[in-house]
Amino acid sequence: MADYYFKMDDMAVGYQGKTLIHDINIGIDKGEIVTLIGPNGSGKSTILKSITKQLKLIGGKVFFDDTSLQEMSYKELSSNMAVVLTERIKTELMTCHEIVATGRYPYTGRLGILTPEDEQIVDEAMKAVHAEDLGNRDFNAISDGQKQRVLLARAICQEPEIIVLDEPTSFLDVRYKLELLAILERMARKKHITVIMSLHEIDLAQKVSDKIICVKGDTIAHYGKPEEVFKEDTIRSLYEIDNGSFDPVFGSIELPKIEGEPEVFVISSGGSGIPIYRQLQKEHIPFAAGILYKNDIDYQLARLLAVEVITEEPFRQISDETFARAVEVMKKCKRVIVTDVPVGECNKRIEELIKLAK
């Protein structure tokens, strides 16, 4: 394996000496965001606990900047790696500020006394996650979402080289999910901090990650860039989706198309058909769509939701055969919906199709 900042070399992980996942060989560059995805119970958390020394490796080695993780003391590790796992920490009468301040303990003496500089780092970390108003509140009295932000602030406070997070977006609403991932992205890009995390939201994983690790079965199913991993067949297989589909363009999971003879024919382009497709699906109405070029954004969703899509190759004029098929399908439908379709030289026959629909 080439020289990487963080690497797993023939790593095997599991519990009580029993191997759950083996032959893990993954190299991560400094400043990369690497996300583990996969079904519940696939072993994502087990991998994260193993690379943070919370679980003993069953086999293989983990290297941190050419130093074996097994040879690092916990103090050395805590100075270089911050960890945010899903388990809820138990505290007694600790404020949120005090929780965040524990992130500075690897840098203090035995008494754990923070310097003014340490206090400033604590304040900046809380501000970074929009938790400054929580400083004096009892950690046990705040919501799960607020706790997640406080724990992230504690991790930031450690000023780590690597941050490991297990489902960090759990308990967060949409706004704070986006803010949290934006924070992690800034840490990776500006401070070159390596981020290793697990996510359930594959649409967010696709957008924020440099590399994706697909965990399924007793080995790593796939590892690579998002554009290499997020393919319809790969995601369907990973999550065993048999009652819907994955759209790699939108990064979304789609419900199965409504089967049957199409009752509605949709003439659209450039995204104007997308809300109509979704509404028809909600109303359980089978529909057809066309004429769509295969590079049209409407086509990407229509191919998943429509009973039939009449298509033409990009940058070509609509052929007689394609036009005839569109007319044939349209005439069998009970209703035609026409959106504001821009017409140019290539698709000028759309105007003819619209006239026939009236």
Protein backbone atom coordinates (compact mmCIF):
# COMPACT_ATOMS: atom_id res chain seq x y z
CA MET A 1 0.00 0.00 0.00
CA ALA A 2 1.28 3.46 -0.88
CA ASP A 3 2.29 5.89 1.84
CA TYR A 4 -0.83 7.27 3.48
CA TYR A 5 -1.33 9.46 6.51
CA PHE A 6 -3.69 6.92 8.07
CA LYS A 7 -3.96 3.34 6.92
CA MET A 8 -5.55 0.05 7.85
CA ASP A 9 -3.34 -2.87 6.89
CA ASP A 10 -5.04 -6.29 6.71
CA MET A 11 -7.17 -5.15 9.63
CA ALA A 12 -9.73 -7.53 11.12
CA VAL A 13 -12.30 -6.32 13.65
CA GLY A 14 -14.91 -7.89 15.88
CA TYR A 15 -15.89 -8.65 19.46
CA GLN A 16 -14.49 -11.06 22.05
CA GLY A 17 -12.03 -12.56 19.61
CA LYS A 18 -14.70 -13.27 16.99
CA THR A 19 -14.02 -11.69 13.60
CA LEU A 20 -16.83 -9.62 12.14
CA ILE A 21 -15.02 -7.96 9.21
CA HIS A 22 -11.62 -8.96 7.84
CA ASP A 23 -9.09 -8.00 5.16
CA ILE A 24 -9.62 -4.26 5.57
CA ASN A 25 -6.93 -2.48 3.54
CA ILE A 26 -7.63 1.24 3.26
CA GLY A 27 -5.32 4.25 2.97
CA ILE A 28 -6.44 7.77 3.83
CA ASP A 29 -4.61 10.97 2.93
CA LYS A 30 -4.23 13.90 5.31
CA GLY A 31 -7.20 16.26 5.14
CA GLU A 32 -9.53 13.77 3.48
CA ILE A 33 -13.14 13.20 4.53
CA VAL A 34 -13.87 9.47 4.49
CA THR A 35 -17.37 8.19 5.22
CA LEU A 36 -18.55 4.69 6.08
CA ILE A 37 -21.98 3.74 4.78
CA GLY A 38 -23.95 0.51 4.93
CA PRO A 39 -26.97 -1.17 6.51
CA ASN A 40 -27.62 -1.11 10.24
CA GLY A 41 -25.53 -3.71 12.03
CA SER A 42 -23.03 -4.01 9.19
CA GLY A 43 -20.07 -3.15 11.41
CA LYS A 44 -19.46 0.55 10.77
CA SER A 45 -19.29 1.38 14.49
CA THR A 46 -17.09 -1.65 15.13
CA ILE A 47 -14.55 -0.37 12.61
CA LEU A 48 -14.57 3.11 14.16
CA LYS A 49 -14.18 1.74 17.69
CA SER A 50 -11.31 -0.45 16.52
CA ILE A 51 -9.32 2.38 14.91
CA THR A 52 -9.75 4.46 18.08
CA LYS A 53 -8.50 1.64 20.37
CA GLN A 54 -11.87 1.25 22.07
CA LEU A 55 -11.93 -2.29 20.75
CA LYS A 56 -8.90 -4.54 20.41
CA LEU A 57 -8.00 -5.45 16.84
CA ILE A 58 -8.62 -9.07 15.92
CA GLY A 59 -5.86 -8.92 13.34
CA GLY A 60 -3.73 -6.63 11.19
CA LYS A 61 -2.46 -3.16 12.03
CA VAL A 62 -3.48 0.49 11.92
CA PHE A 63 -0.86 3.13 11.14
CA PHE A 64 -1.07 6.79 12.05
CA ASP A 65 1.57 8.73 10.11
CA ASP A 66 3.76 5.59 9.95
CA THR A 67 3.38 4.93 13.69
CA SER A 68 1.49 1.81 14.71
CA LEU A 69 -1.66 2.76 16.61
CA GLN A 70 -1.06 -0.13 19.00
CA GLU A 71 2.25 1.43 20.05
CA MET A 72 0.75 4.83 20.86
CA SER A 73 -0.19 5.62 24.44
CA TYR A 74 -3.71 6.84 25.13
CA LYS A 75 -2.30 10.28 25.94
CA GLU A 76 -0.50 10.39 22.58
CA LEU A 77 -3.63 9.22 20.83
CA SER A 78 -5.88 11.77 22.54
CA SER A 79 -3.51 14.56 21.50
CA ASN A 80 -3.83 13.52 17.87
CA MET A 81 -7.29 11.98 17.54
CA ALA A 82 -10.69 13.22 18.69
CA VAL A 83 -13.61 10.81 18.93
CA VAL A 84 -17.36 11.41 18.90
CA LEU A 85 -19.29 8.15 19.19
CA THR A 86 -23.01 7.46 19.49
CA GLU A 87 -22.90 6.25 23.09
CA ARG A 88 -24.28 8.86 25.46
CA ILE A 89 -21.69 9.97 28.00
CA LYS A 90 -22.82 10.05 31.62
CA THR A 91 -21.99 13.14 33.61
CA GLU A 92 -22.86 14.48 37.03
CA LEU A 93 -23.46 18.18 37.50
CA MET A 94 -21.23 19.26 34.61
CA THR A 95 -22.00 22.28 32.51
CA CYS A 96 -21.65 22.22 28.73
CA HIS A 97 -18.61 24.50 29.03
CA GLU A 98 -16.96 22.01 31.38
CA ILE A 99 -17.69 19.14 28.98
CA VAL A 100 -16.08 21.02 26.09
CA ALA A 101 -13.13 21.99 28.29
CA THR A 102 -12.25 18.30 28.82
CA GLY A 103 -11.03 18.38 25.24
CA ARG A 104 -8.05 20.43 26.48
CA TYR A 105 -7.03 17.92 29.18
CA PRO A 106 -4.45 16.14 26.98
CA TYR A 107 -2.55 19.45 26.95
CA THR A 108 -2.77 20.29 30.67
CA GLY A 109 -0.84 19.03 33.65
CA ARG A 110 -2.04 16.50 36.20
CA LEU A 111 -4.37 19.00 37.86
CA GLY A 112 -6.15 19.71 34.59
CA ILE A 113 -5.95 23.49 35.06
CA LEU A 114 -6.76 25.41 31.88
CA THR A 115 -4.73 28.43 30.86
CA PRO A 116 -6.37 31.59 29.45
CA GLU A 117 -5.32 30.32 26.01
CA ASP A 118 -7.11 27.01 26.68
CA GLU A 119 -10.25 28.90 27.74
CA GLN A 120 -10.14 30.89 24.53
CA ILE A 121 -9.92 27.68 22.49
CA VAL A 122 -12.94 26.31 24.40
CA ASP A 123 -14.96 29.45 23.66
CA GLU A 124 -14.01 29.37 19.97
CA ALA A 125 -14.97 25.70 19.69
CA MET A 126 -18.40 26.33 21.21
CA LYS A 127 -18.91 29.30 18.92
CA ALA A 128 -17.97 27.18 15.89
CA VAL A 129 -20.90 24.81 16.56
CA HIS A 130 -23.29 27.59 17.67
CA ALA A 131 -23.34 26.31 21.25
CA GLU A 132 -22.04 29.40 23.05
CA ASP A 133 -25.47 29.98 24.66
CA LEU A 134 -25.30 26.51 26.24
CA GLY A 135 -22.10 27.13 28.22
CA ASN A 136 -23.63 27.42 31.70
CA ARG A 137 -26.38 24.85 31.20
CA ASP A 138 -26.36 21.37 32.74
CA PHE A 139 -25.24 18.93 30.04
CA ASN A 140 -27.84 16.37 31.16
CA ALA A 141 -30.66 18.91 30.79
CA ILE A 142 -30.20 19.76 27.11
CA SER A 143 -31.62 17.98 24.05
CA ASP A 144 -29.85 15.17 22.19
CA GLY A 145 -29.21 17.48 19.27
CA GLN A 146 -27.62 20.07 21.54
CA LYS A 147 -25.52 17.37 23.20
CA GLN A 148 -24.24 16.33 19.79
CA ARG A 149 -23.09 19.88 19.08
CA VAL A 150 -21.40 20.14 22.49
CA LEU A 151 -19.53 16.86 21.93
CA LEU A 152 -18.39 18.07 18.53
CA ALA A 153 -17.12 21.26 20.19
CA ARG A 154 -15.16 19.10 22.64
CA ALA A 155 -13.60 17.24 19.70
CA ILE A 156 -12.70 20.50 17.96
CA CYS A 157 -11.23 21.73 21.24
CA GLN A 158 -8.68 18.91 21.17
CA GLU A 159 -7.18 20.40 17.99
CA PRO A 160 -6.73 16.88 16.61
CA GLU A 161 -5.01 15.65 13.46
CA ILE A 162 -7.85 13.16 12.96
CA ILE A 163 -11.47 13.33 14.08
CA VAL A 164 -13.58 10.16 14.18
CA LEU A 165 -17.37 10.46 14.38
CA ASP A 166 -20.04 7.78 14.55
CA GLU A 167 -23.30 9.04 13.03
CA PRO A 168 -22.68 12.67 14.02
CA THR A 169 -25.89 13.87 12.36
CA SER A 170 -28.11 11.73 14.59
CA PHE A 171 -30.65 13.80 16.55
CA LEU A 172 -29.92 16.92 14.47
CA ASP A 173 -32.50 18.73 12.38
CA VAL A 174 -31.74 19.63 8.77
CA ARG A 175 -30.21 23.03 9.59
CA TYR A 176 -27.74 21.66 12.11
CA LYS A 177 -26.89 18.63 9.96
CA LEU A 178 -25.80 20.95 7.19
CA GLU A 179 -23.95 23.23 9.61
CA LEU A 180 -22.13 20.30 11.23
CA LEU A 181 -21.00 18.90 7.89
CA ALA A 182 -19.95 22.37 6.77
CA ILE A 183 -17.82 22.66 9.93
CA LEU A 184 -16.18 19.30 9.23
CA GLU A 185 -15.56 20.31 5.63
CA ARG A 186 -13.89 23.56 6.72
CA MET A 187 -11.73 21.65 9.22
CA ALA A 188 -10.61 19.29 6.46
CA ARG A 189 -9.99 21.92 3.80
CA LYS A 190 -8.48 24.75 5.87
CA LYS A 191 -6.79 22.90 8.74
CA HIS A 192 -6.10 19.64 6.87
CA ILE A 193 -7.76 17.60 9.61
CA THR A 194 -8.61 14.08 8.49
CA VAL A 195 -12.27 13.18 9.09
CA ILE A 196 -13.43 9.56 9.37
CA MET A 197 -17.13 9.09 10.09
CA SER A 198 -20.21 6.99 9.53
CA LEU A 199 -23.44 8.39 8.13
CA HIS A 200 -26.91 7.03 7.53
CA GLU A 201 -27.81 9.86 5.13
CA ILE A 202 -26.24 8.65 1.91
CA ASP A 203 -27.23 11.83 0.08
CA LEU A 204 -25.09 13.85 2.51
CA ALA A 205 -22.29 11.30 2.37
CA GLN A 206 -22.23 11.64 -1.41
CA LYS A 207 -21.90 15.43 -1.22
CA VAL A 208 -19.36 15.88 1.60
CA SER A 209 -16.98 12.92 1.24
CA ASP A 210 -13.71 12.49 -0.62
CA LYS A 211 -13.87 8.72 -0.25
CA ILE A 212 -16.63 6.25 0.63
CA ILE A 213 -16.27 2.92 2.45
CA CYS A 214 -19.19 0.53 1.87
CA VAL A 215 -19.52 -1.93 4.74
CA LYS A 216 -21.50 -5.11 4.17
CA GLY A 217 -20.95 -8.74 5.09
CA ASP A 218 -17.55 -9.80 6.38
CA THR A 219 -15.48 -7.57 4.06
CA ILE A 220 -15.47 -4.06 2.64
CA ALA A 221 -17.86 -4.19 -0.33
CA HIS A 222 -16.57 -1.05 -2.08
CA TYR A 223 -14.06 1.73 -1.47
CA GLY A 224 -13.52 4.73 -3.67
CA LYS A 225 -14.55 8.23 -4.68
CA PRO A 226 -18.27 9.09 -4.44
CA GLU A 227 -18.66 9.09 -8.22
CA GLU A 228 -17.24 5.55 -8.28
CA VAL A 229 -19.40 4.22 -5.45
CA PHE A 230 -22.73 6.01 -5.81
CA LYS A 231 -24.11 4.04 -8.71
CA GLU A 232 -27.62 2.70 -8.84
CA ASP A 233 -26.67 -0.99 -8.85
CA THR A 234 -24.03 -0.56 -6.13
CA ILE A 235 -26.38 1.15 -3.67
CA ARG A 236 -29.26 -1.22 -4.47
CA SER A 237 -26.98 -4.16 -3.70
CA LEU A 238 -25.44 -2.59 -0.59
CA TYR A 239 -28.81 -1.89 1.04
CA GLU A 240 -30.67 -4.75 -0.67
CA ILE A 241 -33.23 -2.34 -2.12
CA ASP A 242 -35.95 -4.30 -3.91
CA ASN A 243 -38.91 -1.96 -3.51
CA GLY A 244 -37.51 1.24 -4.96
CA SER A 245 -34.39 2.66 -6.52
CA PHE A 246 -31.42 4.94 -5.91
CA ASP A 247 -30.90 7.97 -8.10
CA PRO A 248 -27.16 8.76 -8.28
CA VAL A 249 -27.77 12.18 -9.86
CA PHE A 250 -30.01 13.48 -7.07
CA GLY A 251 -28.49 11.25 -4.40
CA SER A 252 -32.00 10.20 -3.40
CA ILE A 253 -33.92 7.04 -2.71
CA GLU A 254 -37.05 6.80 -4.86
CA LEU A 255 -40.20 4.81 -4.21
CA PRO A 256 -41.07 2.23 -6.87
CA LYS A 257 -42.82 3.42 -10.02
CA ILE A 258 -46.57 2.97 -10.29
CA GLU A 259 -47.17 0.08 -12.67
CA GLY A 260 -49.98 -0.15 -15.22
CA GLU A 261 -50.99 1.52 -18.46
CA PRO A 262 -50.07 5.22 -18.40
CA GLU A 263 -53.02 7.49 -17.72
CA VAL A 264 -51.15 10.79 -18.04
CA PHE A 265 -48.59 11.94 -20.60
CA VAL A 266 -46.15 14.61 -19.37
CA ILE A 267 -44.36 16.92 -21.80
CA SER A 268 -41.61 18.73 -19.91
CA SER A 269 -37.95 19.68 -19.87
CA GLY A 270 -35.20 21.18 -17.73
CA GLY A 271 -36.59 20.12 -14.35
CA SER A 272 -40.13 21.40 -14.94
CA GLY A 273 -41.50 17.86 -14.92
CA ILE A 274 -39.95 16.73 -11.62
CA PRO A 275 -42.68 18.09 -9.26
CA ILE A 276 -45.34 16.69 -11.61
CA TYR A 277 -43.75 13.23 -11.63
CA ARG A 278 -43.66 13.18 -7.84
CA GLN A 279 -47.26 14.38 -7.52
CA LEU A 280 -48.52 11.75 -9.94
CA GLN A 281 -46.65 9.09 -8.01
CA LYS A 282 -48.19 10.29 -4.73
CA GLU A 283 -51.63 10.07 -6.33
CA HIS A 284 -50.79 6.56 -7.53
CA ILE A 285 -51.29 7.49 -11.19
CA PRO A 286 -49.14 5.70 -13.78
CA PHE A 287 -47.71 8.10 -16.35
CA ALA A 288 -45.48 8.37 -19.39
CA ALA A 289 -43.04 11.15 -20.21
CA GLY A 290 -41.46 12.50 -23.38
CA ILE A 291 -39.91 13.46 -25.57
CA LEU A 292 -36.86 13.81 -23.32
CA TYR A 293 -33.22 13.99 -24.23
CA LYS A 294 -31.08 11.63 -22.17
CA ASN A 295 -29.02 14.52 -20.80
CA ASP A 296 -32.14 16.35 -19.57
CA ILE A 297 -32.51 16.50 -15.79
CA ASP A 298 -36.15 15.45 -16.14
CA TYR A 299 -35.02 12.21 -17.77
CA GLN A 300 -32.97 11.24 -14.70
CA LEU A 301 -36.10 11.02 -12.55
CA ALA A 302 -38.58 10.02 -15.27
CA ARG A 303 -36.63 6.83 -15.99
CA LEU A 304 -37.21 5.77 -12.37
CA LEU A 305 -40.83 6.83 -11.92
CA ALA A 306 -42.52 6.75 -15.35
CA VAL A 307 -44.04 3.63 -16.87
CA GLU A 308 -42.47 4.63 -20.19
CA VAL A 309 -40.10 7.40 -21.22
CA ILE A 310 -39.83 8.35 -24.89
CA THR A 311 -36.27 9.56 -25.40
CA GLU A 312 -33.93 10.97 -27.98
CA GLU A 313 -30.14 11.09 -28.01
CA PRO A 314 -28.64 14.45 -26.95
CA PHE A 315 -28.10 17.16 -29.57
CA ARG A 316 -30.06 15.30 -32.25
CA GLN A 317 -33.26 16.34 -33.95
CA ILE A 318 -36.27 14.29 -32.92
CA SER A 319 -36.54 11.36 -35.32
CA ASP A 320 -39.75 10.27 -37.04
CA GLU A 321 -39.67 7.01 -35.10
CA THR A 322 -39.34 8.75 -31.73
CA PHE A 323 -42.05 11.26 -32.58
CA ALA A 324 -44.45 8.54 -33.77
CA ARG A 325 -43.96 6.58 -30.54
CA ALA A 326 -44.66 9.69 -28.45
CA VAL A 327 -47.89 10.36 -30.38
CA GLU A 328 -48.96 6.73 -30.01
CA VAL A 329 -48.46 6.68 -26.23
CA MET A 330 -49.95 10.15 -25.75
CA LYS A 331 -53.17 9.27 -27.60
CA LYS A 332 -53.76 6.33 -25.24
CA CYS A 333 -53.54 8.56 -22.17
CA LYS A 334 -56.56 10.19 -20.55
CA ARG A 335 -54.75 13.46 -19.90
CA VAL A 336 -51.73 15.42 -21.11
CA ILE A 337 -49.77 17.81 -18.92
CA VAL A 338 -47.56 20.36 -20.69
CA THR A 339 -45.02 22.50 -18.85
CA ASP A 340 -43.13 25.53 -20.11
CA VAL A 341 -40.77 23.66 -22.45
CA PRO A 342 -38.05 25.72 -24.15
CA VAL A 343 -37.99 24.87 -27.86
CA GLY A 344 -34.87 25.06 -30.01
CA GLU A 345 -33.62 23.78 -33.32
CA CYS A 346 -33.15 20.18 -32.18
CA ASN A 347 -36.45 19.73 -30.31
CA LYS A 348 -38.69 21.93 -32.48
CA ARG A 349 -41.01 18.97 -33.10
CA ILE A 350 -42.08 19.32 -29.46
CA GLU A 351 -44.26 22.21 -30.65
CA GLU A 352 -46.00 19.81 -33.04
CA LEU A 353 -46.50 17.32 -30.21
CA ILE A 354 -48.00 20.02 -27.99
CA LYS A 355 -50.43 21.04 -30.76
CA LEU A 356 -51.59 17.42 -31.08
CA ALA A 357 -52.16 17.34 -27.31
CA LYS A 358 -54.65 20.23 -27.41
